[in-house]
N, C-alpha and C. Protein backbone atom coordinates (compact mmCIF):
# COMPACT_ATOMS: atom_id res chain seq x y z
N MET A 1 -106.03 9.95 24.92
CA MET A 1 -105.17 9.84 26.10
C MET A 1 -105.30 11.08 26.97
N SER A 2 -105.17 10.91 28.26
CA SER A 2 -105.23 12.04 29.18
C SER A 2 -103.91 12.81 29.15
N GLU A 3 -103.93 14.02 29.74
CA GLU A 3 -102.71 14.81 29.80
C GLU A 3 -101.62 14.04 30.55
N ARG A 4 -101.99 13.39 31.64
CA ARG A 4 -101.01 12.63 32.43
C ARG A 4 -100.39 11.53 31.58
N GLU A 5 -101.21 10.82 30.82
CA GLU A 5 -100.70 9.75 29.97
C GLU A 5 -99.77 10.29 28.89
N LEU A 6 -100.12 11.45 28.34
CA LEU A 6 -99.27 12.06 27.31
C LEU A 6 -97.94 12.50 27.89
N ARG A 7 -97.95 13.02 29.11
CA ARG A 7 -96.70 13.42 29.75
C ARG A 7 -95.82 12.20 30.04
N LEU A 8 -96.45 11.12 30.48
CA LEU A 8 -95.70 9.89 30.72
C LEU A 8 -95.11 9.34 29.42
N ALA A 9 -95.88 9.44 28.34
CA ALA A 9 -95.39 8.98 27.04
C ALA A 9 -94.18 9.80 26.59
N LEU A 10 -94.23 11.11 26.85
CA LEU A 10 -93.10 11.97 26.50
C LEU A 10 -91.88 11.62 27.34
N GLU A 11 -92.06 11.38 28.62
CA GLU A 11 -90.93 11.00 29.48
C GLU A 11 -90.32 9.68 29.02
N ALA A 12 -91.17 8.75 28.62
CA ALA A 12 -90.67 7.46 28.12
C ALA A 12 -89.88 7.65 26.83
N ALA A 13 -90.35 8.56 25.96
CA ALA A 13 -89.64 8.84 24.71
C ALA A 13 -88.29 9.48 25.00
N LYS A 14 -88.24 10.36 25.99
CA LYS A 14 -86.97 10.99 26.38
C LYS A 14 -86.00 9.96 26.94
N ALA A 15 -86.50 9.04 27.74
CA ALA A 15 -85.65 7.99 28.29
C ALA A 15 -85.10 7.09 27.18
N ARG A 16 -85.95 6.79 26.20
CA ARG A 16 -85.48 5.98 25.06
C ARG A 16 -84.38 6.71 24.32
N LEU A 17 -84.55 8.02 24.12
CA LEU A 17 -83.52 8.79 23.42
C LEU A 17 -82.23 8.83 24.22
N ALA A 18 -82.32 8.94 25.53
CA ALA A 18 -81.13 8.95 26.37
C ALA A 18 -80.36 7.62 26.23
N ARG A 19 -81.09 6.51 26.22
CA ARG A 19 -80.44 5.21 26.04
C ARG A 19 -79.81 5.10 24.66
N ALA A 20 -80.53 5.60 23.65
CA ALA A 20 -80.01 5.53 22.28
C ALA A 20 -78.77 6.41 22.12
N THR A 21 -78.74 7.53 22.82
CA THR A 21 -77.57 8.42 22.75
C THR A 21 -76.33 7.73 23.29
N LYS A 22 -76.49 6.99 24.37
CA LYS A 22 -75.35 6.28 24.96
C LYS A 22 -74.86 5.15 24.05
N ALA A 23 -75.78 4.57 23.29
CA ALA A 23 -75.44 3.42 22.45
C ALA A 23 -75.18 3.80 21.00
N VAL A 24 -75.06 5.10 20.73
CA VAL A 24 -74.98 5.55 19.34
C VAL A 24 -73.74 5.02 18.62
N SER A 25 -72.68 4.70 19.34
CA SER A 25 -71.46 4.21 18.71
C SER A 25 -71.52 2.72 18.36
N LYS A 26 -72.54 2.03 18.86
CA LYS A 26 -72.66 0.61 18.59
C LYS A 26 -73.23 0.36 17.19
N ARG A 27 -73.07 -0.86 16.73
CA ARG A 27 -73.58 -1.23 15.41
C ARG A 27 -75.10 -1.01 15.36
N GLY A 28 -75.56 -0.25 14.39
CA GLY A 28 -76.98 0.03 14.25
C GLY A 28 -77.47 1.09 15.20
N GLY A 29 -76.55 1.68 15.97
CA GLY A 29 -76.94 2.66 16.97
C GLY A 29 -77.53 3.93 16.38
N MET A 30 -77.04 4.36 15.24
CA MET A 30 -77.55 5.59 14.63
C MET A 30 -79.00 5.46 14.21
N ALA A 31 -79.37 4.28 13.73
CA ALA A 31 -80.77 4.06 13.30
C ALA A 31 -81.70 4.19 14.50
N GLU A 32 -81.33 3.60 15.63
CA GLU A 32 -82.16 3.68 16.83
C GLU A 32 -82.18 5.10 17.38
N PHE A 33 -81.03 5.78 17.31
CA PHE A 33 -80.98 7.17 17.76
C PHE A 33 -81.95 8.03 16.96
N GLY A 34 -81.94 7.88 15.63
CA GLY A 34 -82.84 8.65 14.78
C GLY A 34 -84.29 8.34 15.08
N ALA A 35 -84.61 7.06 15.25
CA ALA A 35 -85.99 6.66 15.54
C ALA A 35 -86.43 7.18 16.90
N ALA A 36 -85.53 7.12 17.88
CA ALA A 36 -85.87 7.60 19.23
C ALA A 36 -86.08 9.10 19.24
N HIS A 37 -85.26 9.82 18.48
CA HIS A 37 -85.41 11.27 18.42
C HIS A 37 -86.74 11.65 17.77
N GLU A 38 -87.09 10.99 16.68
CA GLU A 38 -88.36 11.27 16.02
C GLU A 38 -89.54 10.94 16.92
N ALA A 39 -89.42 9.87 17.70
CA ALA A 39 -90.49 9.50 18.62
C ALA A 39 -90.68 10.55 19.71
N MET A 40 -89.57 11.11 20.19
CA MET A 40 -89.66 12.15 21.21
C MET A 40 -90.30 13.42 20.65
N ILE A 41 -89.89 13.82 19.44
CA ILE A 41 -90.46 15.02 18.81
C ILE A 41 -91.96 14.83 18.59
N ALA A 42 -92.36 13.63 18.15
CA ALA A 42 -93.78 13.35 17.93
C ALA A 42 -94.56 13.44 19.25
N ALA A 43 -93.97 12.95 20.33
CA ALA A 43 -94.63 13.01 21.64
C ALA A 43 -94.75 14.45 22.12
N GLU A 44 -93.75 15.27 21.84
CA GLU A 44 -93.82 16.69 22.19
C GLU A 44 -94.99 17.36 21.49
N ARG A 45 -95.16 17.06 20.22
CA ARG A 45 -96.22 17.70 19.43
C ARG A 45 -97.61 17.27 19.91
N VAL A 46 -97.77 16.01 20.23
CA VAL A 46 -99.07 15.52 20.69
C VAL A 46 -99.45 16.19 22.01
N LEU A 47 -98.49 16.30 22.92
CA LEU A 47 -98.78 16.92 24.21
C LEU A 47 -99.11 18.40 24.05
N ALA A 48 -98.32 19.11 23.24
CA ALA A 48 -98.58 20.54 23.02
C ALA A 48 -99.95 20.76 22.39
N ALA A 49 -100.32 19.91 21.45
CA ALA A 49 -101.64 20.03 20.81
C ALA A 49 -102.75 19.83 21.82
N GLU A 50 -102.59 18.86 22.70
CA GLU A 50 -103.59 18.59 23.73
C GLU A 50 -103.75 19.77 24.68
N LEU A 51 -102.63 20.45 24.98
CA LEU A 51 -102.65 21.58 25.90
C LEU A 51 -103.01 22.90 25.22
N GLY A 52 -103.16 22.88 23.90
CA GLY A 52 -103.47 24.10 23.16
C GLY A 52 -102.29 25.06 23.09
N GLU A 53 -101.08 24.53 23.20
CA GLU A 53 -99.88 25.35 23.16
C GLU A 53 -99.33 25.42 21.73
N PRO A 54 -98.48 26.41 21.44
CA PRO A 54 -97.86 26.46 20.13
C PRO A 54 -96.89 25.29 19.95
N TYR A 55 -96.84 24.75 18.74
CA TYR A 55 -95.89 23.68 18.45
C TYR A 55 -95.60 23.65 16.96
N ALA A 56 -94.45 23.08 16.60
CA ALA A 56 -94.00 23.07 15.21
C ALA A 56 -94.22 21.70 14.59
N VAL A 57 -94.67 21.69 13.34
CA VAL A 57 -94.90 20.44 12.61
C VAL A 57 -94.17 20.52 11.27
N PRO A 58 -93.85 19.37 10.66
CA PRO A 58 -93.17 19.37 9.37
C PRO A 58 -93.99 20.09 8.30
N LEU A 59 -93.30 20.83 7.48
CA LEU A 59 -93.92 21.55 6.37
C LEU A 59 -93.57 20.86 5.07
N GLU A 60 -94.60 20.58 4.27
CA GLU A 60 -94.33 19.98 2.95
C GLU A 60 -93.62 21.02 2.10
N PHE A 61 -92.39 20.72 1.72
CA PHE A 61 -91.52 21.70 1.06
C PHE A 61 -90.72 20.97 0.00
N PRO A 62 -90.58 21.55 -1.19
CA PRO A 62 -89.99 20.80 -2.31
C PRO A 62 -88.48 20.67 -2.31
N VAL A 63 -87.76 21.43 -1.48
CA VAL A 63 -86.30 21.40 -1.52
C VAL A 63 -85.75 21.37 -0.10
N GLN A 64 -84.45 21.03 0.01
CA GLN A 64 -83.76 21.04 1.29
C GLN A 64 -82.51 21.91 1.17
N TRP A 65 -82.35 22.83 2.12
CA TRP A 65 -81.18 23.70 2.05
C TRP A 65 -79.93 22.99 2.54
N ASP A 66 -78.79 23.56 2.19
CA ASP A 66 -77.50 23.05 2.63
C ASP A 66 -77.39 23.22 4.14
N ILE A 67 -77.01 22.17 4.86
CA ILE A 67 -76.94 22.24 6.31
C ILE A 67 -75.73 23.04 6.77
N GLY A 68 -74.58 22.85 6.10
CA GLY A 68 -73.36 23.49 6.55
C GLY A 68 -73.30 24.99 6.32
N ALA A 69 -73.63 25.42 5.12
CA ALA A 69 -73.52 26.84 4.78
C ALA A 69 -74.60 27.24 3.79
N PRO A 70 -75.84 27.34 4.23
CA PRO A 70 -76.93 27.71 3.31
C PRO A 70 -76.91 29.18 2.93
N LEU A 71 -76.26 30.02 3.73
CA LEU A 71 -76.12 31.46 3.47
C LEU A 71 -77.46 32.10 3.08
N PRO A 72 -78.46 32.04 3.91
CA PRO A 72 -79.77 32.60 3.55
C PRO A 72 -79.72 34.12 3.43
N HIS A 73 -80.44 34.64 2.44
CA HIS A 73 -80.59 36.08 2.23
C HIS A 73 -82.08 36.41 2.31
N LEU A 74 -82.45 37.34 3.16
CA LEU A 74 -83.84 37.80 3.28
C LEU A 74 -83.96 39.15 2.60
N ILE A 75 -84.85 39.23 1.60
CA ILE A 75 -85.09 40.48 0.87
C ILE A 75 -86.57 40.78 0.97
N MET A 76 -86.92 41.96 1.49
CA MET A 76 -88.33 42.29 1.62
C MET A 76 -88.53 43.80 1.58
N ASP A 77 -89.72 44.17 1.11
CA ASP A 77 -90.17 45.55 1.21
C ASP A 77 -91.58 45.51 1.77
N ASP A 78 -92.34 46.57 1.56
CA ASP A 78 -93.68 46.59 2.17
C ASP A 78 -94.72 45.75 1.43
N SER A 79 -94.32 45.11 0.32
CA SER A 79 -95.29 44.30 -0.42
C SER A 79 -94.75 42.93 -0.86
N GLN A 80 -93.44 42.70 -0.76
CA GLN A 80 -92.86 41.44 -1.22
C GLN A 80 -91.84 40.93 -0.22
N THR A 81 -91.76 39.59 -0.12
CA THR A 81 -90.79 38.96 0.77
C THR A 81 -90.17 37.76 0.07
N PHE A 82 -88.84 37.74 0.00
CA PHE A 82 -88.11 36.65 -0.66
C PHE A 82 -87.04 36.11 0.28
N LEU A 83 -86.82 34.80 0.20
CA LEU A 83 -85.74 34.15 0.93
C LEU A 83 -84.93 33.33 -0.06
N ILE A 84 -83.63 33.57 -0.11
CA ILE A 84 -82.73 32.84 -1.01
C ILE A 84 -81.75 32.04 -0.17
N PHE A 85 -81.49 30.78 -0.57
CA PHE A 85 -80.50 29.98 0.15
C PHE A 85 -79.89 28.94 -0.79
N PHE A 86 -78.73 28.43 -0.40
CA PHE A 86 -78.05 27.39 -1.16
C PHE A 86 -78.70 26.04 -0.86
N LEU A 87 -78.88 25.23 -1.90
CA LEU A 87 -79.46 23.91 -1.74
C LEU A 87 -78.42 22.90 -1.29
N SER A 88 -78.87 21.80 -0.71
CA SER A 88 -77.95 20.77 -0.25
C SER A 88 -77.38 19.99 -1.43
N ASP A 89 -76.16 19.45 -1.21
CA ASP A 89 -75.49 18.63 -2.22
C ASP A 89 -75.43 19.31 -3.57
N THR A 90 -75.08 20.59 -3.58
CA THR A 90 -75.10 21.33 -4.83
C THR A 90 -74.03 20.89 -5.81
N GLN A 91 -72.97 20.25 -5.30
CA GLN A 91 -71.87 19.89 -6.20
C GLN A 91 -71.77 18.38 -6.44
N LEU A 92 -72.85 17.64 -6.13
CA LEU A 92 -72.78 16.19 -6.29
C LEU A 92 -73.79 15.68 -7.31
N GLN A 93 -73.33 14.75 -8.14
CA GLN A 93 -74.22 14.04 -9.03
C GLN A 93 -74.92 12.94 -8.24
N ARG A 94 -75.85 12.25 -8.87
CA ARG A 94 -76.56 11.17 -8.17
C ARG A 94 -75.61 10.05 -7.76
N ASP A 95 -74.51 9.85 -8.52
CA ASP A 95 -73.56 8.79 -8.16
C ASP A 95 -72.52 9.27 -7.15
N GLY A 96 -72.64 10.53 -6.69
CA GLY A 96 -71.72 11.04 -5.69
C GLY A 96 -70.50 11.73 -6.25
N SER A 97 -70.32 11.72 -7.58
CA SER A 97 -69.16 12.38 -8.18
C SER A 97 -69.40 13.88 -8.26
N ASP A 98 -68.32 14.62 -8.45
CA ASP A 98 -68.44 16.07 -8.55
C ASP A 98 -69.21 16.45 -9.80
N ALA A 99 -70.14 17.38 -9.64
CA ALA A 99 -70.90 17.88 -10.78
C ALA A 99 -70.13 18.99 -11.45
N ALA A 100 -70.25 19.08 -12.74
CA ALA A 100 -69.59 20.15 -13.47
C ALA A 100 -70.35 21.45 -13.28
N VAL A 101 -69.64 22.52 -13.03
CA VAL A 101 -70.25 23.83 -12.86
C VAL A 101 -70.09 24.59 -14.17
N ALA A 102 -71.21 25.08 -14.71
CA ALA A 102 -71.18 25.73 -16.02
C ALA A 102 -70.30 26.97 -16.00
N ASN A 103 -70.43 27.79 -14.96
CA ASN A 103 -69.67 29.02 -14.85
C ASN A 103 -69.18 29.18 -13.42
N PRO A 104 -67.99 29.78 -13.24
CA PRO A 104 -67.47 29.97 -11.90
C PRO A 104 -68.46 30.76 -11.04
N GLY A 105 -68.64 30.33 -9.81
CA GLY A 105 -69.51 31.04 -8.89
C GLY A 105 -70.95 30.59 -8.92
N GLU A 106 -71.33 29.77 -9.90
CA GLU A 106 -72.71 29.31 -9.98
C GLU A 106 -72.97 28.18 -8.99
N GLU A 107 -74.13 28.21 -8.37
CA GLU A 107 -74.54 27.20 -7.40
C GLU A 107 -76.04 26.92 -7.59
N ARG A 108 -76.48 25.82 -7.02
CA ARG A 108 -77.91 25.53 -7.00
C ARG A 108 -78.53 26.33 -5.88
N LEU A 109 -79.40 27.26 -6.24
CA LEU A 109 -80.03 28.14 -5.27
C LEU A 109 -81.55 27.99 -5.33
N ALA A 110 -82.18 28.23 -4.20
CA ALA A 110 -83.65 28.29 -4.14
C ALA A 110 -84.07 29.70 -3.80
N THR A 111 -85.09 30.18 -4.47
CA THR A 111 -85.70 31.47 -4.14
C THR A 111 -87.14 31.20 -3.73
N VAL A 112 -87.46 31.56 -2.50
CA VAL A 112 -88.80 31.34 -1.97
C VAL A 112 -89.49 32.70 -1.83
N GLU A 113 -90.61 32.85 -2.51
CA GLU A 113 -91.41 34.06 -2.36
C GLU A 113 -92.59 33.76 -1.44
N PHE A 114 -92.69 34.53 -0.37
CA PHE A 114 -93.80 34.36 0.57
C PHE A 114 -94.90 35.35 0.22
N LYS A 115 -96.05 34.79 -0.14
CA LYS A 115 -97.19 35.59 -0.58
C LYS A 115 -97.99 36.07 0.64
N GLY A 116 -98.46 37.32 0.55
CA GLY A 116 -99.28 37.86 1.63
C GLY A 116 -98.56 37.87 2.96
N CYS A 117 -97.29 38.22 2.95
CA CYS A 117 -96.48 38.19 4.16
C CYS A 117 -96.85 39.36 5.08
N ALA A 118 -97.19 39.03 6.32
CA ALA A 118 -97.54 40.05 7.30
C ALA A 118 -96.32 40.52 8.09
N SER A 119 -95.35 39.62 8.29
CA SER A 119 -94.15 39.97 9.03
C SER A 119 -93.11 38.88 8.81
N ALA A 120 -91.82 39.26 8.88
CA ALA A 120 -90.74 38.30 8.72
C ALA A 120 -89.54 38.76 9.54
N LYS A 121 -88.73 37.80 9.96
CA LYS A 121 -87.54 38.13 10.72
C LYS A 121 -86.49 37.03 10.53
N MET A 122 -85.22 37.40 10.68
CA MET A 122 -84.15 36.43 10.56
C MET A 122 -83.02 36.85 11.49
N GLY A 123 -82.54 35.93 12.28
CA GLY A 123 -81.47 36.23 13.23
C GLY A 123 -81.30 35.09 14.21
N VAL A 124 -81.09 35.41 15.49
CA VAL A 124 -80.91 34.37 16.50
C VAL A 124 -82.20 33.55 16.65
N PRO A 125 -82.06 32.27 17.01
CA PRO A 125 -80.84 31.57 17.39
C PRO A 125 -80.16 30.88 16.22
N ASN A 126 -78.84 30.63 16.35
CA ASN A 126 -78.17 29.74 15.42
C ASN A 126 -78.24 28.32 15.98
N ASP A 127 -77.63 27.36 15.29
CA ASP A 127 -77.82 25.97 15.71
C ASP A 127 -77.09 25.63 17.01
N GLU A 128 -76.20 26.52 17.47
CA GLU A 128 -75.51 26.26 18.73
C GLU A 128 -76.39 26.58 19.93
N VAL A 129 -77.37 27.45 19.74
CA VAL A 129 -78.26 27.83 20.85
C VAL A 129 -79.72 27.62 20.47
N PHE A 130 -79.96 26.69 19.57
CA PHE A 130 -81.32 26.45 19.09
C PHE A 130 -82.25 26.04 20.22
N GLU A 131 -81.68 25.43 21.25
CA GLU A 131 -82.50 24.99 22.37
C GLU A 131 -83.06 26.15 23.18
N GLY A 132 -82.57 27.36 22.93
CA GLY A 132 -83.10 28.53 23.62
C GLY A 132 -84.35 29.10 22.99
N HIS A 133 -84.73 28.60 21.82
CA HIS A 133 -85.95 29.10 21.16
C HIS A 133 -87.19 28.71 21.97
N PRO A 134 -88.18 29.61 22.04
CA PRO A 134 -89.39 29.31 22.82
C PRO A 134 -90.12 28.03 22.40
N LEU A 135 -89.92 27.58 21.16
CA LEU A 135 -90.59 26.38 20.70
C LEU A 135 -89.77 25.11 20.92
N HIS A 136 -88.60 25.24 21.54
CA HIS A 136 -87.83 24.04 21.87
C HIS A 136 -88.64 23.17 22.83
N GLY A 137 -88.67 21.89 22.55
CA GLY A 137 -89.49 20.99 23.36
C GLY A 137 -90.92 20.91 22.90
N LYS A 138 -91.23 21.59 21.82
CA LYS A 138 -92.58 21.60 21.27
C LYS A 138 -92.54 21.30 19.77
N GLY A 139 -91.74 20.30 19.40
CA GLY A 139 -91.68 19.85 18.02
C GLY A 139 -90.67 20.58 17.16
N LEU A 140 -89.90 21.49 17.73
CA LEU A 140 -88.94 22.27 16.95
C LEU A 140 -87.69 21.45 16.68
N VAL A 141 -87.26 21.41 15.43
CA VAL A 141 -86.02 20.75 15.04
C VAL A 141 -85.28 21.64 14.04
N PRO A 142 -83.94 21.63 14.07
CA PRO A 142 -83.19 22.45 13.13
C PRO A 142 -83.10 21.83 11.75
N TYR A 143 -82.75 22.66 10.78
CA TYR A 143 -82.45 22.23 9.40
C TYR A 143 -83.66 21.68 8.65
N ARG A 144 -84.86 21.91 9.15
CA ARG A 144 -86.04 21.41 8.46
C ARG A 144 -87.08 22.53 8.33
N PRO A 145 -87.81 22.56 7.23
CA PRO A 145 -88.91 23.53 7.11
C PRO A 145 -90.08 23.11 7.99
N LEU A 146 -90.58 24.06 8.79
CA LEU A 146 -91.64 23.76 9.75
C LEU A 146 -92.74 24.81 9.69
N ARG A 147 -93.91 24.44 10.19
CA ARG A 147 -95.02 25.37 10.36
C ARG A 147 -95.46 25.33 11.82
N VAL A 148 -95.75 26.49 12.37
CA VAL A 148 -96.11 26.58 13.78
C VAL A 148 -97.63 26.63 13.91
N LEU A 149 -98.18 25.71 14.65
CA LEU A 149 -99.61 25.70 14.94
C LEU A 149 -99.86 26.38 16.29
N ASN A 150 -101.04 26.95 16.45
CA ASN A 150 -101.38 27.72 17.65
C ASN A 150 -100.37 28.85 17.87
N SER A 151 -100.00 29.50 16.79
CA SER A 151 -98.93 30.50 16.83
C SER A 151 -99.31 31.75 17.61
N PRO A 152 -98.56 32.08 18.67
CA PRO A 152 -98.82 33.33 19.39
C PRO A 152 -98.41 34.56 18.58
N TRP A 153 -97.48 34.39 17.64
CA TRP A 153 -97.06 35.51 16.80
C TRP A 153 -98.21 35.97 15.92
N ILE A 154 -98.93 35.03 15.32
CA ILE A 154 -100.09 35.40 14.49
C ILE A 154 -101.12 36.13 15.33
N ARG A 155 -101.39 35.63 16.53
CA ARG A 155 -102.37 36.28 17.41
C ARG A 155 -101.89 37.68 17.82
N GLU A 156 -100.60 37.83 18.02
CA GLU A 156 -100.05 39.15 18.37
C GLU A 156 -100.24 40.13 17.21
N LEU A 157 -99.94 39.69 15.99
CA LEU A 157 -100.11 40.56 14.82
C LEU A 157 -101.58 40.88 14.59
N GLU A 158 -102.44 39.90 14.82
CA GLU A 158 -103.88 40.12 14.66
C GLU A 158 -104.37 41.17 15.66
N ALA A 159 -103.90 41.08 16.90
CA ALA A 159 -104.32 42.04 17.93
C ALA A 159 -103.87 43.46 17.57
N ILE A 160 -102.67 43.59 17.03
CA ILE A 160 -102.16 44.90 16.62
C ILE A 160 -103.05 45.49 15.54
N ASN A 161 -103.43 44.65 14.56
CA ASN A 161 -104.21 45.14 13.43
C ASN A 161 -105.70 45.29 13.74
N SER A 162 -106.14 44.78 14.88
CA SER A 162 -107.56 44.81 15.19
C SER A 162 -108.08 46.22 15.45
N VAL A 163 -107.19 47.19 15.66
CA VAL A 163 -107.63 48.56 15.90
C VAL A 163 -108.04 49.26 14.61
N HIS A 164 -107.71 48.66 13.45
CA HIS A 164 -108.07 49.27 12.17
C HIS A 164 -109.57 49.19 11.96
N ARG A 165 -110.16 50.25 11.45
CA ARG A 165 -111.62 50.28 11.30
C ARG A 165 -112.12 49.29 10.24
N GLN A 166 -111.24 48.86 9.34
CA GLN A 166 -111.63 47.87 8.34
C GLN A 166 -111.05 46.48 8.67
N PHE A 167 -110.73 46.25 9.90
CA PHE A 167 -110.17 44.97 10.33
C PHE A 167 -111.12 43.82 10.04
N ARG A 168 -110.54 42.73 9.50
CA ARG A 168 -111.30 41.51 9.22
C ARG A 168 -110.57 40.33 9.85
N ALA A 169 -111.19 39.71 10.84
CA ALA A 169 -110.55 38.60 11.56
C ALA A 169 -110.33 37.39 10.66
N ASP A 170 -111.20 37.21 9.65
CA ASP A 170 -111.08 36.02 8.81
C ASP A 170 -109.77 35.99 8.03
N ARG A 171 -109.20 37.16 7.70
CA ARG A 171 -107.93 37.19 6.97
C ARG A 171 -106.83 36.51 7.77
N TRP A 172 -106.84 36.68 9.07
CA TRP A 172 -105.76 36.14 9.89
C TRP A 172 -105.85 34.63 10.04
N ASN A 173 -107.01 34.08 9.75
CA ASN A 173 -107.15 32.63 9.77
C ASN A 173 -106.54 31.97 8.55
N THR A 174 -106.18 32.77 7.53
CA THR A 174 -105.57 32.22 6.32
C THR A 174 -104.05 32.25 6.38
N LEU A 175 -103.48 32.80 7.44
CA LEU A 175 -102.04 32.95 7.54
C LEU A 175 -101.38 31.77 8.25
N SER A 176 -100.15 31.50 7.88
CA SER A 176 -99.36 30.45 8.51
C SER A 176 -98.06 31.03 9.05
N HIS A 177 -97.59 30.45 10.13
CA HIS A 177 -96.32 30.84 10.73
C HIS A 177 -95.27 29.81 10.31
N TYR A 178 -94.31 30.24 9.49
CA TYR A 178 -93.26 29.36 8.99
C TYR A 178 -91.97 29.61 9.78
N ILE A 179 -91.19 28.54 9.99
CA ILE A 179 -89.91 28.68 10.66
C ILE A 179 -88.88 27.73 10.06
N PHE A 180 -87.73 28.28 9.66
CA PHE A 180 -86.64 27.51 9.06
C PHE A 180 -85.39 27.70 9.92
N GLY A 181 -84.88 26.62 10.50
CA GLY A 181 -83.67 26.71 11.31
C GLY A 181 -82.44 26.44 10.47
N PHE A 182 -81.67 27.48 10.17
CA PHE A 182 -80.44 27.35 9.39
C PHE A 182 -79.24 27.15 10.33
N HIS A 183 -78.06 27.02 9.75
CA HIS A 183 -76.85 26.81 10.55
C HIS A 183 -76.52 28.02 11.42
N ASP A 184 -76.56 29.20 10.83
CA ASP A 184 -76.12 30.40 11.54
C ASP A 184 -77.25 31.32 11.97
N CYS A 185 -78.48 30.98 11.65
CA CYS A 185 -79.60 31.85 12.00
C CYS A 185 -80.91 31.09 11.86
N THR A 186 -81.97 31.73 12.29
CA THR A 186 -83.31 31.18 12.14
C THR A 186 -84.18 32.20 11.40
N PHE A 187 -84.92 31.71 10.41
CA PHE A 187 -85.85 32.55 9.66
C PHE A 187 -87.26 32.20 10.08
N GLU A 188 -88.10 33.23 10.30
CA GLU A 188 -89.51 33.02 10.60
C GLU A 188 -90.34 34.06 9.86
N CYS A 189 -91.51 33.67 9.42
CA CYS A 189 -92.41 34.64 8.81
C CYS A 189 -93.86 34.18 8.97
N VAL A 190 -94.75 35.15 8.86
CA VAL A 190 -96.19 34.89 8.85
C VAL A 190 -96.69 35.31 7.48
N ALA A 191 -97.22 34.37 6.73
CA ALA A 191 -97.66 34.64 5.36
C ALA A 191 -98.80 33.71 4.97
N GLN A 192 -99.41 34.01 3.82
CA GLN A 192 -100.51 33.18 3.34
C GLN A 192 -100.01 31.92 2.65
N SER A 193 -98.94 32.02 1.88
CA SER A 193 -98.44 30.88 1.12
C SER A 193 -97.03 31.19 0.64
N PHE A 194 -96.46 30.25 -0.10
CA PHE A 194 -95.11 30.47 -0.64
C PHE A 194 -94.98 29.78 -1.99
N VAL A 195 -94.04 30.27 -2.78
CA VAL A 195 -93.71 29.69 -4.08
C VAL A 195 -92.20 29.50 -4.12
N VAL A 196 -91.75 28.31 -4.52
CA VAL A 196 -90.32 27.99 -4.53
C VAL A 196 -89.84 27.81 -5.97
N GLN A 197 -88.74 28.48 -6.31
CA GLN A 197 -88.10 28.30 -7.60
C GLN A 197 -86.62 27.97 -7.36
N THR A 198 -86.05 27.11 -8.20
CA THR A 198 -84.64 26.76 -8.09
C THR A 198 -83.94 27.06 -9.41
N ALA A 199 -82.65 27.34 -9.31
CA ALA A 199 -81.86 27.64 -10.51
C ALA A 199 -80.39 27.49 -10.19
N THR A 200 -79.60 27.22 -11.22
CA THR A 200 -78.15 27.19 -11.09
C THR A 200 -77.62 28.53 -11.55
N VAL A 201 -77.36 29.41 -10.60
CA VAL A 201 -76.95 30.79 -10.88
C VAL A 201 -75.99 31.26 -9.80
N THR A 202 -75.43 32.43 -9.99
CA THR A 202 -74.65 33.05 -8.93
C THR A 202 -75.62 33.73 -7.97
N ILE A 203 -75.17 34.00 -6.77
CA ILE A 203 -76.02 34.68 -5.81
C ILE A 203 -76.37 36.08 -6.31
N THR A 204 -75.44 36.70 -7.02
CA THR A 204 -75.71 38.04 -7.57
C THR A 204 -76.84 37.99 -8.59
N GLU A 205 -76.83 36.95 -9.44
CA GLU A 205 -77.88 36.81 -10.44
C GLU A 205 -79.23 36.53 -9.79
N ALA A 206 -79.23 35.73 -8.72
CA ALA A 206 -80.48 35.43 -8.02
C ALA A 206 -81.07 36.69 -7.40
N LEU A 207 -80.21 37.52 -6.82
CA LEU A 207 -80.69 38.77 -6.23
C LEU A 207 -81.16 39.73 -7.31
N ALA A 208 -80.45 39.79 -8.43
CA ALA A 208 -80.83 40.69 -9.52
C ALA A 208 -82.19 40.30 -10.10
N ALA A 209 -82.49 39.00 -10.13
CA ALA A 209 -83.76 38.55 -10.69
C ALA A 209 -84.94 39.06 -9.86
N ILE A 210 -84.72 39.22 -8.57
CA ILE A 210 -85.79 39.73 -7.70
C ILE A 210 -86.06 41.19 -7.98
N PHE A 211 -85.00 41.95 -8.19
CA PHE A 211 -85.15 43.39 -8.36
C PHE A 211 -85.45 43.79 -9.82
N GLN A 212 -85.33 42.85 -10.74
CA GLN A 212 -85.60 43.16 -12.14
C GLN A 212 -87.08 43.45 -12.32
N PRO A 213 -87.44 44.59 -12.89
CA PRO A 213 -88.86 44.91 -13.06
C PRO A 213 -89.54 43.98 -14.05
N THR A 214 -90.77 43.64 -13.77
CA THR A 214 -91.56 42.78 -14.65
C THR A 214 -92.00 43.54 -15.89
N VAL A 215 -91.76 42.96 -17.05
CA VAL A 215 -92.16 43.59 -18.30
C VAL A 215 -93.57 43.17 -18.65
N ALA A 216 -94.45 44.13 -18.83
CA ALA A 216 -95.84 43.83 -19.15
C ALA A 216 -95.96 43.27 -20.56
């Protein structure tokens, strides 16, 4: 499809979403609203890809954080980067009943270690101003793990490091730009990969596990 056709497709998807938004209170309206929103996001990504612009795509990720209060913690030094957050539905069994908590303060937590992290940040925007993010309108959605393609941040970091006499451009081709939109903040990092572990522990225990020295 040509750029003009892709732009027209995006406008049509936006119009569909506008109609679905007005009809959301009707029977079956939520299903159409969800489908229309996904169609618009998909159209945004296709257009951005065609134009060579940065855009966000779904990231295959094994867990989903709590939407209301994930309370993310970013812990990093010059060689390691960890992100801890509360998982969704931490107090529900599969039948919807309350799950028993083994010890007071324990919750289902995820600890994500980002390998080969070149840079990380966490802060604005929160979900009230998520539309102010530069990737809004380019496949960005809140509360979902995403990866940014054609990332200008990676290119910026590469340019900074290019002055090093041992600079290797191929290393930067192995990095990915990750972005997680939480309720109260947004986390982003550039890294080679990640490893996810989950456990039912207190937040203090999860943090202590990171700082505990490895026994040879």
